[in-house]
C-alpha atoms as a PDB file:
ATOM      1  CA  UNK A   1       0.220  -0.070   0.482  1.00  0.00           C
ATOM      2  CA  UNK A   2       1.083   3.181  -0.527  1.00  0.00           C
ATOM      3  CA  UNK A   3       2.317   5.169   2.370  1.00  0.00           C
ATOM      4  CA  UNK A   4      -0.551   8.080   1.982  1.00  0.00           C
ATOM      5  CA  UNK A   5      -3.175   4.911   2.524  1.00  0.00           C
ATOM      6  CA  UNK A   6      -1.227   3.891   6.217  1.00  0.00           C
ATOM      7  CA  UNK A   7      -1.247   8.060   6.782  1.00  0.00           C
ATOM      8  CA  UNK A   8      -5.679   8.092   6.070  1.00  0.00           C
ATOM      9  CA  UNK A   9      -5.762   4.768   8.213  1.00  0.00           C
ATOM     10  CA  UNK A  10      -3.925   6.468  10.883  1.00  0.00           C
ATOM     11  CA  UNK A  11      -5.987  10.022  10.606  1.00  0.00           C
ATOM     12  CA  UNK A  12      -9.871   7.724  10.827  1.00  0.00           C
ATOM     13  CA  UNK A  13      -8.135   5.982  13.919  1.00  0.00           C
ATOM     14  CA  UNK A  14      -7.736   9.859  15.394  1.00  0.00           C
ATOM     15  CA  UNK A  15     -10.389  11.634  14.043  1.00  0.00           C
ATOM     16  CA  UNK A  16     -12.430   8.872  16.265  1.00  0.00           C
ATOM     17  CA  UNK A  17     -10.430  10.086  19.088  1.00  0.00           C
ATOM     18  CA  UNK A  18     -10.782  13.790  18.095  1.00  0.00           C
ATOM     19  CA  UNK A  19     -15.336  13.668  17.914  1.00  0.00           C
ATOM     20  CA  UNK A  20     -14.442  11.954  21.838  1.00  0.00           C
ATOM     21  CA  UNK A  21     -11.382  14.691  22.884  1.00  0.00           C
ATOM     22  CA  UNK A  22     -11.113  17.795  20.440  1.00  0.00           C
ATOM     23  CA  UNK A  23      -9.429  19.208  22.523  1.00  0.00           C
ATOM     24  CA  UNK A  24      -6.112  17.427  20.957  1.00  0.00           C
ATOM     25  CA  UNK A  25      -6.965  17.364  17.585  1.00  0.00           C
ATOM     26  CA  UNK A  26      -3.945  18.901  16.934  1.00  0.00           C
ATOM     27  CA  UNK A  27      -2.198  15.902  18.599  1.00  0.00           C
ATOM     28  CA  UNK A  28      -3.687  12.989  17.506  1.00  0.00           C
ATOM     29  CA  UNK A  29      -3.290  14.020  14.688  1.00  0.00           C
ATOM     30  CA  UNK A  30       0.392  15.022  13.965  1.00  0.00           C
ATOM     31  CA  UNK A  31       0.874  11.114  15.748  1.00  0.00           C
ATOM     32  CA  UNK A  32      -1.312   9.608  12.890  1.00  0.00           C
ATOM     33  CA  UNK A  33       1.009  11.091  10.666  1.00  0.00           C
ATOM     34  CA  UNK A  34       4.287  10.522  12.026  1.00  0.00           C
ATOM     35  CA  UNK A  35       2.963   6.646  12.676  1.00  0.00           C
ATOM     36  CA  UNK A  36       1.375   5.744   9.419  1.00  0.00           C
ATOM     37  CA  UNK A  37       4.859   6.598   8.185  1.00  0.00           C
ATOM     38  CA  UNK A  38       7.343   5.813  10.489  1.00  0.00           C
ATOM     39  CA  UNK A  39       7.787   2.444  10.201  1.00  0.00           C
ATOM     40  CA  UNK A  40       8.379   3.481   5.642  1.00  0.00           C
ATOM     41  CA  UNK A  41      11.202   4.918   7.072  1.00  0.00           C
ATOM     42  CA  UNK A  42      12.754   2.019   7.063  1.00  0.00           C
ATOM     43  CA  UNK A  43      12.607   1.875   2.859  1.00  0.00           C
ATOM     44  CA  UNK A  44      17.033   1.812   1.914  1.00  0.00           C
ATOM     45  CA  UNK A  45      17.393  -0.356   5.276  1.00  0.00           C
ATOM     46  CA  UNK A  46      15.521  -4.176   5.390  1.00  0.00           C
ATOM     47  CA  UNK A  47      12.453  -2.378   4.032  1.00  0.00           C
ATOM     48  CA  UNK A  48       9.371  -3.500   5.863  1.00  0.00           C
ATOM     49  CA  UNK A  49      11.051  -5.537   8.498  1.00  0.00           C
ATOM     50  CA  UNK A  50      14.008  -2.978  10.117  1.00  0.00           C
ATOM     51  CA  UNK A  51      11.546  -0.632  11.101  1.00  0.00           C
ATOM     52  CA  UNK A  52       7.831  -2.848  10.755  1.00  0.00           C
ATOM     53  CA  UNK A  53       6.358  -4.234  13.720  1.00  0.00           C
ATOM     54  CA  UNK A  54       3.122  -5.975  13.115  1.00  0.00           C
ATOM     55  CA  UNK A  55       2.244  -7.789  17.112  1.00  0.00           C
ATOM     56  CA  UNK A  56       4.571  -5.170  19.043  1.00  0.00           C
ATOM     57  CA  UNK A  57       3.561  -2.079  17.925  1.00  0.00           C
ATOM     58  CA  UNK A  58      -0.124  -3.021  19.023  1.00  0.00           C
ATOM     59  CA  UNK A  59       1.271  -4.662  21.732  1.00  0.00           C
ATOM     60  CA  UNK A  60       2.567  -1.849  22.695  1.00  0.00           C
ATOM     61  CA  UNK A  61       0.000   0.454  21.813  1.00  0.00           C
ATOM     62  CA  UNK A  62      -1.908  -1.217  24.726  1.00  0.00           C
ATOM     63  CA  UNK A  63      -0.450   0.049  28.598  1.00  0.00           C
ATOM     64  CA  UNK A  64      -0.641   3.243  25.956  1.00  0.00           C
ATOM     65  CA  UNK A  65      -3.838   3.710  25.172  1.00  0.00           C
ATOM     66  CA  UNK A  66      -4.482   2.571  29.262  1.00  0.00           C
ATOM     67  CA  UNK A  67      -2.581   5.090  29.591  1.00  0.00           C
ATOM     68  CA  UNK A  68      -3.661   7.871  27.774  1.00  0.00           C
ATOM     69  CA  UNK A  69      -7.591   7.180  28.885  1.00  0.00           C
ATOM     70  CA  UNK A  70      -6.362   6.981  33.192  1.00  0.00           C
ATOM     71  CA  UNK A  71      -4.163   9.689  32.554  1.00  0.00           C
ATOM     72  CA  UNK A  72      -5.256  11.544  29.113  1.00  0.00           C
ATOM     73  CA  UNK A  73      -2.476  13.958  28.278  1.00  0.00           C
ATOM     74  CA  UNK A  74      -0.520  14.861  25.155  1.00  0.00           C
ATOM     75  CA  UNK A  75       2.336  12.961  25.245  1.00  0.00           C
ATOM     76  CA  UNK A  76       0.051   9.962  26.643  1.00  0.00           C
ATOM     77  CA  UNK A  77      -2.843  10.631  24.374  1.00  0.00           C
ATOM     78  CA  UNK A  78      -0.592  11.213  21.474  1.00  0.00           C
ATOM     79  CA  UNK A  79       1.704   8.239  22.307  1.00  0.00           C
ATOM     80  CA  UNK A  80      -0.845   5.404  22.440  1.00  0.00           C
ATOM     81  CA  UNK A  81      -1.947   6.591  18.609  1.00  0.00           C
ATOM     82  CA  UNK A  82       1.383   6.636  17.381  1.00  0.00           C
ATOM     83  CA  UNK A  83       1.760   3.058  18.646  1.00  0.00           C
ATOM     84  CA  UNK A  84      -1.664   2.401  17.111  1.00  0.00           C
ATOM     85  CA  UNK A  85      -1.119   4.170  13.518  1.00  0.00           C
ATOM     86  CA  UNK A  86       2.478   2.916  13.080  1.00  0.00           C
ATOM     87  CA  UNK A  87       0.744  -0.773  13.870  1.00  0.00           C
ATOM     88  CA  UNK A  88      -1.515  -1.002  11.601  1.00  0.00           C
ATOM     89  CA  UNK A  89       0.256   0.277   9.153  1.00  0.00           C
ATOM     90  CA  UNK A  90       2.708  -2.739   9.554  1.00  0.00           C
ATOM     91  CA  UNK A  91       0.034  -5.387  10.535  1.00  0.00           C
ATOM     92  CA  UNK A  92      -1.822  -3.705   7.077  1.00  0.00           C
ATOM     93  CA  UNK A  93       1.094  -4.777   4.443  1.00  0.00           C
ATOM     94  CA  UNK A  94       0.252  -8.211   5.328  1.00  0.00           C
ATOM     95  CA  UNK A  95      -2.688  -7.196   2.912  1.00  0.00           C
ATOM     96  CA  UNK A  96      -0.741  -5.586  -0.484  1.00  0.00           C
ATOM     97  CA  UNK A  97       1.524  -7.016  -2.507  1.00  0.00           C
ATOM     98  CA  UNK A  98       5.417  -8.581  -1.787  1.00  0.00           C
ATOM     99  CA  UNK A  99       8.647  -7.249  -1.725  1.00  0.00           C
ATOM    100  CA  UNK A 100      10.034  -6.857  -5.055  1.00  0.00           C
ATOM    101  CA  UNK A 101      10.290  -4.321  -7.932  1.00  0.00           C
ATOM    102  CA  UNK A 102       7.472  -5.015 -10.267  1.00  0.00           C
ATOM    103  CA  UNK A 103       5.041  -6.572  -7.180  1.00  0.00           C
ATOM    104  CA  UNK A 104       1.904  -6.543 -10.193  1.00  0.00           C
ATOM    105  CA  UNK A 105       3.991  -9.314 -10.945  1.00  0.00           C
ATOM    106  CA  UNK A 106       2.827 -11.306  -8.217  1.00  0.00           C
ATOM    107  CA  UNK A 107       6.019 -13.507  -7.313  1.00  0.00           C
ATOM    108  CA  UNK A 108       7.561 -12.383  -3.723  1.00  0.00           C
ATOM    109  CA  UNK A 109       6.176 -14.032  -1.245  1.00  0.00           C
ATOM    110  CA  UNK A 110       7.553 -11.863   1.557  1.00  0.00           C
ATOM    111  CA  UNK A 111       5.127  -8.549   2.614  1.00  0.00           C
ATOM    112  CA  UNK A 112       6.601  -7.871   6.245  1.00  0.00           C
ATOM    113  CA  UNK A 113       8.740  -9.129   8.148  1.00  0.00           C
ATOM    114  CA  UNK A 114       7.344 -10.097  12.091  1.00  0.00           C
ATOM    115  CA  UNK A 115       9.829 -10.259  14.323  1.00  0.00           C
ATOM    116  CA  UNK A 116       7.068 -12.158  17.364  1.00  0.00           C
ATOM    117  CA  UNK A 117       7.167 -14.775  14.846  1.00  0.00           C
ATOM    118  CA  UNK A 118      10.232 -15.149  13.710  1.00  0.00           C
ATOM    119  CA  UNK A 119       9.644 -14.901  10.128  1.00  0.00           C
ATOM    120  CA  UNK A 120       8.143 -13.449   6.448  1.00  0.00           C
ATOM    121  CA  UNK A 121       4.502 -13.137   7.052  1.00  0.00           C
ATOM    122  CA  UNK A 122       3.167 -14.082   2.952  1.00  0.00           C
ATOM    123  CA  UNK A 123       1.205 -11.514   1.023  1.00  0.00           C
ATOM    124  CA  UNK A 124      -2.820 -11.133   0.914  1.00  0.00           C
ATOM    125  CA  UNK A 125      -2.349  -9.494  -2.242  1.00  0.00           C
ATOM    126  CA  UNK A 126      -5.719  -7.294  -1.223  1.00  0.00           C
ATOM    127  CA  UNK A 127      -4.485  -4.570  -2.691  1.00  0.00           C
ATOM    128  CA  UNK A 128      -1.857  -5.904  -6.033  1.00  0.00           C
ATOM    129  CA  UNK A 129       0.972  -3.190  -5.025  1.00  0.00           C
ATOM    130  CA  UNK A 130       1.172   0.023  -4.253  1.00  0.00           C
ATOM    131  CA  UNK A 131      -0.592   2.204  -6.272  1.00  0.00           C
ATOM    132  CA  UNK A 132      -2.896   0.181  -7.670  1.00  0.00           C
ATOM    133  CA  UNK A 133      -6.551   1.115  -8.343  1.00  0.00           C
ATOM    134  CA  UNK A 134      -7.759  -0.371  -4.970  1.00  0.00           C
ATOM    135  CA  UNK A 135      -5.490   1.412  -3.429  1.00  0.00           C
ATOM    136  CA  UNK A 136      -6.355   4.893  -4.434  1.00  0.00           C
ATOM    137  CA  UNK A 137     -10.129   4.116  -3.367  1.00  0.00           C
ATOM    138  CA  UNK A 138      -8.756   2.566  -0.329  1.00  0.00           C
ATOM    139  CA  UNK A 139      -6.207   6.015   0.340  1.00  0.00           C
ATOM    140  CA  UNK A 140      -9.923   8.336  -0.801  1.00  0.00           C
ATOM    141  CA  UNK A 141     -12.136   6.853   1.383  1.00  0.00           C
ATOM    142  CA  UNK A 142      -9.976   6.666   4.797  1.00  0.00           C
ATOM    143  CA  UNK A 143      -9.697  10.055   4.324  1.00  0.00           C
ATOM    144  CA  UNK A 144     -12.805  11.116   4.388  1.00  0.00           C
ATOM    145  CA  UNK A 145     -13.332  10.828   8.416  1.00  0.00           C
ATOM    146  CA  UNK A 146      -9.814  12.933   8.146  1.00  0.00           C
ATOM    147  CA  UNK A 147     -11.558  15.730   5.852  1.00  0.00           C
ATOM    148  CA  UNK A 148     -14.333  15.383   8.058  1.00  0.00           C
ATOM    149  CA  UNK A 149     -13.174  15.972  10.853  1.00  0.00           C
ATOM    150  CA  UNK A 150      -9.610  17.945  11.112  1.00  0.00           C
ATOM    151  CA  UNK A 151      -9.405  21.912  10.211  1.00  0.00           C
ATOM    152  CA  UNK A 152      -6.957  24.177   9.383  1.00  0.00           C
ATOM    153  CA  UNK A 153      -3.721  23.229   8.404  1.00  0.00           C
ATOM    154  CA  UNK A 154      -4.458  19.031   8.927  1.00  0.00           C
ATOM    155  CA  UNK A 155      -6.418  18.745   6.383  1.00  0.00           C
ATOM    156  CA  UNK A 156      -4.906  21.343   3.969  1.00  0.00           C
ATOM    157  CA  UNK A 157      -2.497  17.321   4.475  1.00  0.00           C
ATOM    158  CA  UNK A 158      -5.019  15.754   3.589  1.00  0.00           C
ATOM    159  CA  UNK A 159      -5.951  17.217   0.971  1.00  0.00           C
ATOM    160  CA  UNK A 160      -1.746  17.346   0.047  1.00  0.00           C
ATOM    161  CA  UNK A 161      -2.007  13.592   0.257  1.00  0.00           C
ATOM    162  CA  UNK A 162      -5.014  12.933  -1.545  1.00  0.00           C
ATOM    163  CA  UNK A 163      -3.806  14.965  -4.644  1.00  0.00           C
ATOM    164  CA  UNK A 164       0.206  12.859  -3.803  1.00  0.00           C
ATOM    165  CA  UNK A 165      -1.998   9.330  -4.347  1.00  0.00           C
ATOM    166  CA  UNK A 166      -3.455  10.347  -7.166  1.00  0.00           C
ATOM    167  CA  UNK A 167      -0.092  11.251  -8.961  1.00  0.00           C
ATOM    168  CA  UNK A 168       1.834   8.146  -7.524  1.00  0.00           C
ATOM    169  CA  UNK A 169      -0.892   5.934  -8.368  1.00  0.00           C
ATOM    170  CA  UNK A 170      -0.806   6.791 -12.180  1.00  0.00           C
ATOM    171  CA  UNK A 171       3.234   7.129 -12.561  1.00  0.00           C
ATOM    172  CA  UNK A 172       3.420   3.731 -10.240  1.00  0.00           C
ATOM    173  CA  UNK A 173       4.706   1.518 -12.656  1.00  0.00           C
ATOM    174  CA  UNK A 174       6.388   4.436 -14.786  1.00  0.00           C
ATOM    175  CA  UNK A 175       8.366   5.362 -11.755  1.00  0.00           C
ATOM    176  CA  UNK A 176       9.866   0.893 -11.843  1.00  0.00           C
ATOM    177  CA  UNK A 177      11.059   2.297 -15.590  1.00  0.00           C
ATOM    178  CA  UNK A 178      12.924   5.093 -14.219  1.00  0.00           C
ATOM    179  CA  UNK A 179      14.653   3.635 -11.422  1.00  0.00           C
ATOM    180  CA  UNK A 180      15.933   0.846 -13.917  1.00  0.00           C
ATOM    181  CA  UNK A 181      17.203   2.718 -16.670  1.00  0.00           C
ATOM    182  CA  UNK A 182      19.462   5.167 -13.542  1.00  0.00           C
ATOM    183  CA  UNK A 183      21.029   2.407 -12.125  1.00  0.00           C
ATOM    184  CA  UNK A 184      21.480   1.140 -15.468  1.00  0.00           C
ATOM    185  CA  UNK A 185      23.853   4.723 -15.210  1.00  0.00           C
ATOM    186  CA  UNK A 186      24.698   4.346 -11.896  1.00  0.00           C
ATOM    187  CA  UNK A 187      28.159   3.724 -10.421  1.00  0.00           C
ATOM    188  CA  UNK A 188      29.010   0.941  -9.061  1.00  0.00           C
ATOM    189  CA  UNK A 189      29.354   2.202  -5.401  1.00  0.00           C
ATOM    190  CA  UNK A 190      25.818   3.119  -5.829  1.00  0.00           C
ATOM    191  CA  UNK A 191      24.993   0.328  -6.802  1.00  0.00           C
ATOM    192  CA  UNK A 192      26.666  -1.275  -3.669  1.00  0.00           C
ATOM    193  CA  UNK A 193      24.184   0.269  -1.353  1.00  0.00           C
ATOM    194  CA  UNK A 194      20.756  -0.078  -4.005  1.00  0.00           C
ATOM    195  CA  UNK A 195      18.039  -1.622  -2.441  1.00  0.00           C
ATOM    196  CA  UNK A 196      17.726  -5.700  -2.388  1.00  0.00           C
ATOM    197  CA  UNK A 197      14.680  -5.010  -4.961  1.00  0.00           C
ATOM    198  CA  UNK A 198      15.753  -3.717  -7.297  1.00  0.00           C
ATOM    199  CA  UNK A 199      18.300  -5.314  -8.554  1.00  0.00           C
ATOM    200  CA  UNK A 200      20.328  -7.428 -10.224  1.00  0.00           C
ATOM    201  CA  UNK A 201      18.576  -4.831 -13.360  1.00  0.00           C
ATOM    202  CA  UNK A 202      16.363  -6.144 -15.747  1.00  0.00           C
ATOM    203  CA  UNK A 203      17.158  -6.295 -19.677  1.00  0.00           C
ATOM    204  CA  UNK A 204      15.074  -4.826 -22.222  1.00  0.00           C
ATOM    205  CA  UNK A 205      12.849  -7.561 -23.273  1.00  0.00           C
ATOM    206  CA  UNK A 206      11.810  -8.170 -19.586  1.00  0.00           C
ATOM    207  CA  UNK A 207      11.778  -4.732 -18.604  1.00  0.00           C
ATOM    208  CA  UNK A 208       8.638  -4.453 -21.795  1.00  0.00           C
ATOM    209  CA  UNK A 209       6.864  -7.953 -20.333  1.00  0.00           C
ATOM    210  CA  UNK A 210       5.022  -5.257 -18.331  1.00  0.00           C
END
């Protein structure tokens, strides 16, 4: 799924909290955005493994949420929403495609790594790949609570993220071809640190097969 889809999922959760506790609206929205994005900070360092914890984020969110209910402060409420959003991101990656350069080919059986189970969880491909039309549809639906509940800069940010989602959907597949052509011209020093899913480089016949 797109990073923006994960953010909107977190914002939908934050919107529910903001309805009950409007004084924390900005805090929960900010925490949801950060939590929705945070797991993908491992994009070039063990993607979907280093910062993805489909079990542990949720486990930590339970006591954090209890603390937020019993002692509602900026810190407790923000931390609870952050952990819930990060956990939702990590767990929902299993419902997308596999970890590969062209996930629409459906050749990878690695969706997200579960440190609790000590293995990769297989993709279910309900969302075939990040940037797929159904991914955009999901992002659009999930954006509705945020657009209805939040105002000001948060609502503006949600609109910007929705626009980015639309644009990314249109360029998702062409971006892969561009990345491959750039890598073909890249020095060895760059190739040595490139993520495994970008290598090996395909020849022209493989590249045009899609």
